[in-house]
Each structure stands twice: as structure tokens, then as C-alpha cells.
Amino acid sequence: MNHVVHFLEKQDEFDRIMGQISEAPWVGFDTEFVGEKTYIPVLCLLQVIAGNDIYLVDTLAISDLSAFLKIVDDPKVLKLTHAGDNDYRLLYTLFGTVPANTFDTQIAAGFVGYNYPAGFGKIVEKELRVSLTKSHTVTDWAVRPLDQKAINYAVEDVKYLPALHEKLTRKLARHQRENWAREENRKWETESFYINDPNKELLSSDLVHYIDFREKVFLMRLYQWRVQRAMELNIPKEQVLQARHISTVLRSTKDGPNAFRSNRTLSEGVWKKNLDAWQALWHAKATEEEKTFLESLPKPLPENPEREWTMELLYHFVKKQCIEHEISAALLFPKGDFNRLKSGSEDFDEFLLTGWRAELMGAELVEWLKKGKKIKIHWEDGYCKLTM
């Protein structure tokens, strides 16, 4: 199919075109942004495909994208993406938009034999016999004018979405997994998916379990300070303070400049500029809110080699089910989520043991994963018997 490429750089033309395609049954889209220089990524280009037309929207020239955002949250229009979680997260961060009626080719591919997450080029090549030129993945999309190679790359990112949707939908239907893919996409269609816990970094830090209460208060404040400074200066958090230096600041702040001078891993410019702020955080009395939160943190479970072995064994059964049904194990159970289940972490999402996942794994395996009890192995007459 030959596509006509349009460049949209004026607000009135953009509004008119988006109004026209809002009546279409489906729309495919992708975004290009620059996230290395600012706290919130800068949306530089929006690529939209509808029918035979591809629209390259200069989002640096067009400030009001509400006509497109109405399409994104319209349940009557199917939205086609590849790895769309990044696009939808950006649209939520910038505009508060929550999508409706989504289909993602990366998710669909994970249900029909591809590893997850499979790259767009790989799926296009295998399904459509087209080789893409992915040479502009690190393009500075804020530069104007865009060179022709960057434009070609931007076009390719949406050009093949409709054909992929058609082929993958047929495969999903053959495997009777349309509802499974729809269920997995539906998680993007709730606002809770995009809301981050402000203490996420603290909760994921091993440090918090091995320091005293006052240090926990400071560590929590330090993570919050880093985010606040990044927002104020509109720069990435790592430019405020690299994550690898958090433990250095934690250990050294209470002892003053000499502690930092004796530790050469953190540059003098960084600690001198911020030491007063860090010491203020260290000396401030803990609030009741901080006390309540920190006292509610779950205690780390003692090491349990037997449970770890048991859960790893069960995970191999999970992967076996995935292999037999040609579904990516990483789609069913991302390794990070499985590690939380294995460790008995309270922040494991029980949703991952329901729906299509529970249907695939079977009730007995799901029950074993939930309980995580010791498994007994008995060899008899050439077969292996497992009991819990």
C-alpha cells in the first residue's frame, strides 16, 4: 500500500485533520521525544497513521494537542502502537491522558510465539517480509529541520502498524488468545497504571533494611529531595545526584565536609553545593507522617534456601507451560515480578496470578506459587513425583 505523508506544522490544520480522522475505526501512532536533558521528556514529533495517510506532527510548533488526545481516550477508536506503554506514559505525564481501546503489536506478538519484548523491526521482518533501517534510534528529535533519514525512520515506525495488527489478530484468533491480549492491553487503560509511588526508590533500596531509624528518615528525604531538585531545575535526577552516590551521601552527611573529602567517589563540586541542604535534611526532626510510614515498612524475610529452590523449580514449570503454548515467559511473568513473589515481598502484585495467566498456568500451579511451600521429590519406577 502506498501512503501519503503529510507534515503538520500549523495549529488550525492539525485541528482540522484530527477532527477528520477522529471518525476512523482505528488510528496508529508513535512518539519521538528527548528525555536526556530535562526532568520531563520533551515531545518532539508525533506520527499518526489513518487509512492511507501518515501525518508527521511537529509538536514543537503545535502546542495544543487536545484534538489528538480526544482520539486517544475515545473508546470508539482503536489505537495501534508498538511498545505503547512509553508513549502512553508520556501522554499521561504531559497531559493527564488515559487511553481507551488499545492494541499493541509487541504484546500481541508475545502471545503468538515471539519473545517479549520483541523489537518492531524483527516482527515486521518476520510477519511482513520487510527489512527496516533502524539507524536513527538516537536522533536528536528536537533539531529542525529533520533530515530525510530521520523522517524515513519516523514514517516506518507507524507505516506497518495496520498490517501487523491484521496479521497478529488473525494469529491470536487461531490460538484463541484475542481476549488474553485484550486483557493485557487493558491495564494501560486505567489511571492507576501511570501513578508512581513517591517512595518507590526507597522501597526498592536494599539499604533501607540495614540502617537505623534516623538514617531511614534521611534516606527517604534524600530520594525526595533529588526528585524535587530535578523538577525545580527541569533536569534528569541523575544530573542532580547519581543513584550510585546515594549511599556515600547517606554515610557522610552526618559527619560533615571531612567525610566527603576522604571519599573521592563523589565530586567536590556536587557535595559542596548540596551539603547544607543535606545536613538540614539530616538534622530535621522526623514528622509523625514519616514515623508512621517507616514503621509500616515490611521487615525483610530471613533467607530461606528451600523456598528459593522451590520457587525456582516452579518457575521452570511456568516456563514449560509458556514453551508448550508459544507464549513468552517474560510476558507472563516478568523476572522482577517473579523475584518479588519468590522473596515473599508484600508489594507483589497478586493480579499476576489471575486472568489469562491463571488460565495458562492452571489452578494447581497457581496455588503452589501462592503457597510456596516445600516440595517433596520422590523418584519411582522411572518417573518423578512432586508433592507439596
Protein backbone atom coordinates (compact mmCIF):
# COMPACT_ATOMS: atom_id res chain seq x y z
CA MET A 1 0.00 0.00 0.00
CA ASN A 2 1.27 3.45 -0.95
CA HIS A 3 0.98 6.00 1.83
CA VAL A 4 0.79 9.76 1.51
CA VAL A 5 2.95 11.57 4.07
CA HIS A 6 1.75 14.94 5.38
CA PHE A 7 3.70 17.40 7.54
CA LEU A 8 1.59 19.26 10.08
CA GLU A 9 3.15 22.42 11.49
CA LYS A 10 0.15 24.74 11.91
CA GLN A 11 -2.42 24.51 14.69
CA ASP A 12 -5.55 25.07 12.55
CA GLU A 13 -4.51 22.42 10.00
CA PHE A 14 -3.70 19.94 12.78
CA ASP A 15 -7.08 20.51 14.46
CA ARG A 16 -8.90 20.04 11.15
CA ILE A 17 -7.09 16.80 10.26
CA MET A 18 -7.50 15.31 13.74
CA GLY A 19 -11.20 16.17 13.61
CA GLN A 20 -11.50 14.23 10.35
CA ILE A 21 -9.66 11.10 11.50
CA SER A 22 -11.50 11.04 14.83
CA GLU A 23 -14.29 9.24 12.96
CA ALA A 24 -11.93 6.48 11.76
CA PRO A 25 -12.32 2.96 13.21
CA TRP A 26 -8.59 2.83 14.03
CA VAL A 27 -5.58 5.09 14.30
CA GLY A 28 -1.94 4.09 14.72
CA PHE A 29 0.60 6.36 16.33
CA ASP A 30 4.10 6.69 17.76
CA THR A 31 6.00 9.47 19.52
CA GLU A 32 9.57 10.72 19.35
CA PHE A 33 10.90 12.59 22.34
CA VAL A 34 14.11 13.75 24.01
CA GLY A 35 14.43 12.69 27.63
CA GLU A 36 18.13 13.02 28.37
CA LYS A 37 18.20 16.75 29.08
CA THR A 38 15.07 17.51 31.11
CA TYR A 39 13.17 16.03 34.06
CA ILE A 40 10.05 15.63 31.94
CA PRO A 41 10.81 14.42 28.39
CA VAL A 42 10.17 16.87 25.56
CA LEU A 43 7.72 15.56 22.96
CA CYS A 44 9.25 16.49 19.61
CA LEU A 45 7.32 14.56 16.98
CA LEU A 46 4.02 12.71 16.75
CA GLN A 47 3.46 10.22 13.95
CA VAL A 48 -0.14 9.28 13.16
CA ILE A 49 -1.44 6.84 10.56
CA ALA A 50 -5.07 6.65 9.47
CA GLY A 51 -6.03 4.81 6.31
CA ASN A 52 -3.52 5.60 3.55
CA ASP A 53 -2.32 8.80 5.19
CA ILE A 54 0.61 9.33 7.55
CA TYR A 55 0.84 12.59 9.46
CA LEU A 56 4.12 13.84 10.94
CA VAL A 57 3.13 16.37 13.56
CA ASP A 58 5.75 18.89 14.67
CA THR A 59 4.87 19.09 18.36
CA LEU A 60 7.48 21.81 18.87
CA ALA A 61 5.43 24.06 16.57
CA ILE A 62 1.94 22.86 17.56
CA SER A 63 1.31 23.46 21.24
CA ASP A 64 -2.29 22.27 21.64
CA LEU A 65 -2.64 18.52 21.03
CA SER A 66 -6.11 18.20 22.54
CA ALA A 67 -7.68 17.21 19.19
CA PHE A 68 -5.39 14.16 19.09
CA LEU A 69 -5.74 13.41 22.80
CA LYS A 70 -9.51 13.15 22.34
CA ILE A 71 -8.85 10.34 19.87
CA VAL A 72 -6.53 8.59 22.32
CA ASP A 73 -9.17 8.47 25.06
CA ASP A 74 -12.09 7.75 22.71
CA PRO A 75 -13.23 4.11 23.20
CA LYS A 76 -14.79 4.05 19.73
CA VAL A 77 -11.38 4.40 18.02
CA LEU A 78 -8.89 1.52 18.22
CA LYS A 79 -5.34 2.75 18.91
CA LEU A 80 -2.48 0.76 17.36
CA THR A 81 1.01 1.01 18.86
CA HIS A 82 4.23 -0.92 19.31
CA ALA A 83 5.65 -0.85 22.85
CA GLY A 84 3.00 1.76 23.52
CA ASP A 85 3.48 1.89 27.27
CA ASN A 86 6.23 4.51 26.82
CA ASP A 87 4.02 6.61 24.55
CA TYR A 88 1.03 6.41 26.87
CA ARG A 89 3.15 7.19 29.93
CA LEU A 90 4.47 10.31 28.20
CA LEU A 91 0.96 11.43 27.20
CA TYR A 92 -0.23 10.91 30.77
CA THR A 93 2.74 12.78 32.23
CA LEU A 94 2.34 15.73 29.87
CA PHE A 95 -1.45 15.92 29.53
CA GLY A 96 -3.07 13.53 32.02
CA THR A 97 -4.49 11.47 29.13
CA VAL A 98 -5.56 7.87 29.82
CA PRO A 99 -6.11 5.80 26.65
CA ALA A 100 -9.07 3.62 25.77
CA ASN A 101 -9.38 0.72 23.31
CA THR A 102 -5.72 -0.12 22.72
CA PHE A 103 -3.89 -2.79 20.72
CA ASP A 104 -0.15 -3.23 20.97
CA THR A 105 1.80 -5.28 18.44
CA GLN A 106 4.57 -6.08 20.92
CA ILE A 107 2.10 -7.55 23.40
CA ALA A 108 0.20 -9.41 20.68
CA ALA A 109 3.44 -10.91 19.36
CA GLY A 110 4.27 -12.21 22.84
CA PHE A 111 1.11 -14.33 22.70
CA VAL A 112 1.91 -15.94 19.34
CA GLY A 113 5.44 -17.24 19.72
CA TYR A 114 7.72 -14.17 19.91
CA ASN A 115 9.98 -13.43 22.82
CA TYR A 116 8.81 -10.47 24.85
CA PRO A 117 9.64 -7.68 24.36
CA ALA A 118 10.34 -8.23 20.66
CA GLY A 119 11.58 -5.28 18.59
CA PHE A 120 9.37 -3.72 15.94
CA GLY A 121 11.84 -4.43 13.14
CA LYS A 122 12.04 -8.13 13.98
CA ILE A 123 8.27 -8.59 13.96
CA VAL A 124 7.84 -6.60 10.74
CA GLU A 125 10.56 -8.60 9.03
CA LYS A 126 9.11 -11.96 10.03
CA GLU A 127 5.44 -11.16 9.51
CA LEU A 128 5.58 -8.79 6.53
CA ARG A 129 8.93 -9.74 4.93
CA VAL A 130 10.13 -6.13 5.14
CA SER A 131 13.52 -5.10 6.49
CA LEU A 132 13.55 -1.79 8.35
CA THR A 133 16.51 0.57 8.56
CA LYS A 134 16.87 1.36 12.26
CA SER A 135 19.74 3.81 12.01
CA HIS A 136 18.14 6.83 13.72
CA THR A 137 17.24 5.44 17.11
CA VAL A 138 19.43 8.09 18.77
CA THR A 139 18.36 11.02 16.60
CA ASP A 140 18.05 14.38 18.34
CA TRP A 141 14.39 14.86 17.50
CA ALA A 142 14.46 18.46 18.76
CA VAL A 143 16.67 19.55 15.84
CA ARG A 144 14.97 21.35 12.97
CA PRO A 145 14.85 20.73 10.13
CA LEU A 146 14.81 16.95 10.46
CA ASP A 147 16.97 15.20 7.89
CA GLN A 148 15.42 12.82 5.39
CA LYS A 149 16.76 9.69 7.08
CA ALA A 150 15.12 10.70 10.35
CA ILE A 151 11.86 11.37 8.52
CA ASN A 152 12.00 7.96 6.83
CA TYR A 153 12.59 6.35 10.22
CA ALA A 154 9.63 8.20 11.72
CA VAL A 155 7.38 7.08 8.86
CA GLU A 156 8.47 3.44 9.17
CA ASP A 157 7.55 3.42 12.86
CA VAL A 158 3.84 3.72 12.01
CA LYS A 159 3.62 2.63 8.38
CA TYR A 160 3.42 -1.08 9.16
CA LEU A 161 1.21 -0.97 12.26
CA PRO A 162 -2.08 -1.65 10.40
CA ALA A 163 -0.71 -4.66 8.50
CA LEU A 164 0.85 -6.05 11.67
CA HIS A 165 -2.40 -5.58 13.55
CA GLU A 166 -4.24 -7.54 10.86
CA LYS A 167 -1.75 -10.45 10.79
CA LEU A 168 -1.29 -10.71 14.55
CA THR A 169 -5.04 -10.51 15.15
CA ARG A 170 -5.54 -13.49 12.84
CA LYS A 171 -2.87 -15.42 14.73
CA LEU A 172 -4.42 -14.52 18.07
CA ALA A 173 -7.77 -15.75 16.78
CA ARG A 174 -6.27 -19.07 15.64
CA HIS A 175 -4.79 -19.56 19.10
CA GLN A 176 -7.99 -18.28 20.76
CA ARG A 177 -5.99 -15.63 22.61
CA GLU A 178 -7.70 -12.43 21.50
CA ASN A 179 -9.19 -11.99 24.96
CA TRP A 180 -5.80 -12.62 26.59
CA ALA A 181 -4.14 -9.86 24.56
CA ARG A 182 -7.08 -7.55 25.22
CA GLU A 183 -6.80 -8.21 28.95
CA GLU A 184 -3.09 -7.40 28.92
CA ASN A 185 -3.66 -4.16 26.99
CA ARG A 186 -6.46 -3.12 29.32
CA LYS A 187 -4.01 -2.39 32.14
CA TRP A 188 -2.91 0.71 30.17
CA GLU A 189 -6.48 1.99 30.22
CA THR A 190 -6.64 2.76 33.95
CA GLU A 191 -5.10 5.79 35.61
CA SER A 192 -3.56 3.71 38.40
CA PHE A 193 -1.10 2.22 35.87
CA TYR A 194 0.56 5.64 35.46
CA ILE A 195 0.69 6.76 39.09
CA ASN A 196 4.07 6.14 40.69
CA ASP A 197 4.62 5.64 44.40
CA PRO A 198 6.69 8.67 45.54
CA ASN A 199 8.67 6.31 47.78
CA LYS A 200 9.32 3.75 45.04
CA GLU A 201 13.09 4.29 45.08
CA LEU A 202 13.22 3.93 48.86
CA LEU A 203 11.17 0.73 48.82
CA SER A 204 13.39 -0.82 46.16
CA SER A 205 16.60 0.04 48.04
CA ASP A 206 18.31 -2.73 49.98
CA LEU A 207 19.88 -0.05 52.19
CA VAL A 208 16.63 0.71 53.97
CA HIS A 209 16.63 -2.68 55.72
CA TYR A 210 20.11 -2.37 57.19
CA ILE A 211 20.27 1.17 58.65
CA ASP A 212 18.92 2.71 61.83
CA PHE A 213 15.71 4.74 62.04
CA ARG A 214 17.30 8.18 61.72
CA GLU A 215 19.21 7.07 58.66
CA LYS A 216 15.98 5.72 57.15
CA VAL A 217 14.36 9.12 57.61
CA PHE A 218 17.30 10.82 55.91
CA LEU A 219 17.40 8.30 53.08
CA MET A 220 13.70 8.83 52.38
CA ARG A 221 14.18 12.60 52.41
CA LEU A 222 17.24 12.35 50.19
CA TYR A 223 15.31 10.49 47.48
CA GLN A 224 12.50 13.05 47.74
CA TRP A 225 14.97 15.96 47.61
CA ARG A 226 16.59 14.55 44.46
CA VAL A 227 13.22 14.43 42.68
CA GLN A 228 12.24 17.89 43.90
CA ARG A 229 15.51 19.45 42.74
CA ALA A 230 15.23 17.72 39.37
CA MET A 231 11.72 19.14 38.96
CA GLU A 232 12.79 22.64 40.01
CA LEU A 233 15.76 22.68 37.64
CA ASN A 234 13.99 20.60 34.96
CA ILE A 235 16.91 18.24 34.62
CA PRO A 236 17.15 14.43 34.99
CA LYS A 237 17.53 13.11 38.55
CA GLU A 238 20.92 11.66 37.70
CA GLN A 239 22.21 15.17 36.96
CA VAL A 240 21.18 16.25 40.45
CA LEU A 241 22.78 13.28 42.19
CA GLN A 242 23.70 9.97 40.62
CA ALA A 243 21.98 7.00 42.22
CA ARG A 244 25.32 5.27 42.77
CA HIS A 245 26.30 8.09 45.18
CA ILE A 246 23.22 7.81 47.41
CA SER A 247 24.96 5.50 49.90
CA THR A 248 28.00 7.84 50.04
CA VAL A 249 25.79 10.81 50.90
CA LEU A 250 23.93 8.71 53.46
CA ARG A 251 27.15 7.73 55.24
CA SER A 252 28.97 11.06 55.03
CA THR A 253 26.41 13.82 55.55
CA LYS A 254 26.17 13.45 59.33
CA ASP A 255 29.99 13.78 59.68
CA GLY A 256 30.39 16.92 57.58
CA PRO A 257 32.93 18.03 54.94
CA ASN A 258 35.82 15.89 56.15
CA ALA A 259 33.86 12.69 55.50
CA PHE A 260 33.32 13.78 51.89
CA ARG A 261 36.92 14.85 51.42
CA SER A 262 38.11 11.37 52.38
CA ASN A 263 35.75 9.77 49.86
CA ARG A 264 36.82 10.54 46.31
CA THR A 265 33.94 8.79 44.56
CA LEU A 266 31.72 11.90 44.72
CA SER A 267 32.96 15.08 43.05
CA GLU A 268 33.78 18.01 45.30
CA GLY A 269 31.55 20.33 43.28
CA VAL A 270 28.47 18.22 43.94
CA TRP A 271 28.84 17.77 47.70
CA LYS A 272 29.95 21.34 48.38
CA LYS A 273 26.95 22.71 46.51
CA ASN A 274 24.46 20.49 48.32
CA LEU A 275 25.96 19.77 51.76
CA ASP A 276 23.97 22.46 53.58
CA ALA A 277 20.71 21.11 52.17
CA TRP A 278 21.65 17.53 53.04
CA GLN A 279 22.61 18.41 56.60
CA ALA A 280 19.33 20.28 57.04
CA LEU A 281 17.52 17.11 55.99
CA TRP A 282 19.65 15.09 58.40
CA HIS A 283 19.05 17.33 61.44
CA ALA A 284 15.32 17.98 60.95
CA LYS A 285 13.16 16.06 63.41
CA ALA A 286 11.14 13.17 61.99
CA THR A 287 7.48 14.01 61.45
CA GLU A 288 4.65 11.78 62.63
CA GLU A 289 3.85 11.00 59.00
CA GLU A 290 7.44 9.88 58.37
CA LYS A 291 7.44 7.76 61.53
CA THR A 292 4.18 6.06 60.59
CA PHE A 293 5.36 5.27 57.06
CA LEU A 294 8.78 3.93 58.06
CA GLU A 295 7.38 1.85 60.90
CA SER A 296 4.97 0.24 58.43
CA LEU A 297 7.75 -0.96 56.12
CA PRO A 298 7.80 -4.76 55.91
CA LYS A 299 10.78 -6.45 57.52
CA PRO A 300 12.99 -8.42 55.14
CA LEU A 301 12.29 -12.11 55.29
CA PRO A 302 15.10 -14.33 56.57
CA GLU A 303 16.96 -16.25 53.89
CA ASN A 304 15.19 -19.44 53.04
CA PRO A 305 17.19 -21.55 50.56
CA GLU A 306 14.48 -24.22 50.49
CA ARG A 307 11.78 -21.73 49.48
CA GLU A 308 14.07 -20.16 46.88
CA TRP A 309 14.81 -23.57 45.38
CA THR A 310 11.12 -24.47 45.42
CA MET A 311 10.06 -21.27 43.69
CA GLU A 312 12.79 -21.62 41.05
CA LEU A 313 11.56 -25.14 40.36
CA LEU A 314 8.01 -23.87 40.00
CA TYR A 315 9.18 -21.13 37.65
CA HIS A 316 10.61 -23.80 35.36
CA PHE A 317 7.14 -25.36 35.23
CA VAL A 318 5.75 -21.94 34.36
CA LYS A 319 8.29 -21.56 31.55
CA LYS A 320 7.47 -25.08 30.32
CA GLN A 321 3.82 -24.08 30.03
CA CYS A 322 4.86 -21.00 28.09
CA ILE A 323 7.03 -23.01 25.69
CA GLU A 324 4.25 -25.51 25.03
CA HIS A 325 1.75 -22.73 24.33
CA GLU A 326 4.21 -20.47 22.43
CA ILE A 327 3.83 -17.58 24.84
CA SER A 328 6.77 -15.52 26.07
CA ALA A 329 7.58 -16.27 29.72
CA ALA A 330 8.68 -12.65 30.14
CA LEU A 331 5.17 -11.54 29.17
CA LEU A 332 3.51 -13.92 31.58
CA PHE A 333 5.89 -13.32 34.48
CA PRO A 334 8.48 -10.53 34.22
CA LYS A 335 11.54 -11.70 36.15
CA GLY A 336 11.35 -8.76 38.56
CA ASP A 337 7.78 -9.63 39.50
CA PHE A 338 8.69 -13.29 39.94
CA ASN A 339 11.60 -12.32 42.21
CA ARG A 340 9.16 -10.38 44.40
CA LEU A 341 6.91 -13.43 44.58
CA LYS A 342 9.87 -15.68 45.35
CA SER A 343 11.08 -13.45 48.17
CA GLY A 344 7.63 -13.20 49.70
CA SER A 345 7.58 -9.42 49.18
CA GLU A 346 4.37 -7.69 50.24
CA ASP A 347 4.40 -5.49 47.13
CA PHE A 348 3.97 -8.46 44.77
CA ASP A 349 1.00 -7.76 42.51
CA GLU A 350 -1.49 -10.60 43.07
CA PHE A 351 -3.12 -9.60 39.77
CA LEU A 352 -0.30 -11.54 38.08
CA LEU A 353 -1.80 -14.79 39.37
CA THR A 354 -5.25 -14.14 37.87
CA GLY A 355 -6.89 -13.78 34.46
CA TRP A 356 -5.18 -15.23 31.41
CA ARG A 357 -2.08 -16.08 33.44
CA ALA A 358 -4.06 -18.28 35.81
CA GLU A 359 -5.81 -19.88 32.83
CA LEU A 360 -2.49 -20.71 31.18
CA MET A 361 -0.70 -21.98 34.29
CA GLY A 362 -3.63 -23.95 35.69
CA ALA A 363 -5.22 -23.81 39.14
CA GLU A 364 -2.80 -26.24 40.78
CA LEU A 365 0.37 -24.43 39.68
CA VAL A 366 -1.13 -21.08 40.70
CA GLU A 367 -1.95 -22.49 44.12
CA TRP A 368 1.59 -23.84 44.52
CA LEU A 369 3.04 -20.44 43.55
CA LYS A 370 0.82 -18.69 46.09
CA LYS A 371 1.76 -21.02 48.93
CA GLY A 372 5.42 -21.51 48.04
CA LYS A 373 5.66 -24.45 50.43
CA LYS A 374 8.37 -27.07 50.38
CA ILE A 375 8.08 -29.57 47.54
CA LYS A 376 8.94 -33.19 48.13
CA ILE A 377 10.50 -35.16 45.31
CA HIS A 378 10.06 -38.90 45.02
CA TRP A 379 11.66 -40.99 42.25
CA GLU A 380 9.82 -44.19 41.44
CA ASP A 381 9.90 -46.60 38.52
CA GLY A 382 11.41 -44.15 36.09
CA TYR A 383 9.21 -41.15 36.93
CA CYS A 384 9.42 -38.25 39.33
CA LYS A 385 6.58 -37.46 41.71
CA LEU A 386 6.26 -33.99 43.25
CA THR A 387 4.08 -33.31 46.27
CA MET A 388 3.62 -30.25 48.45
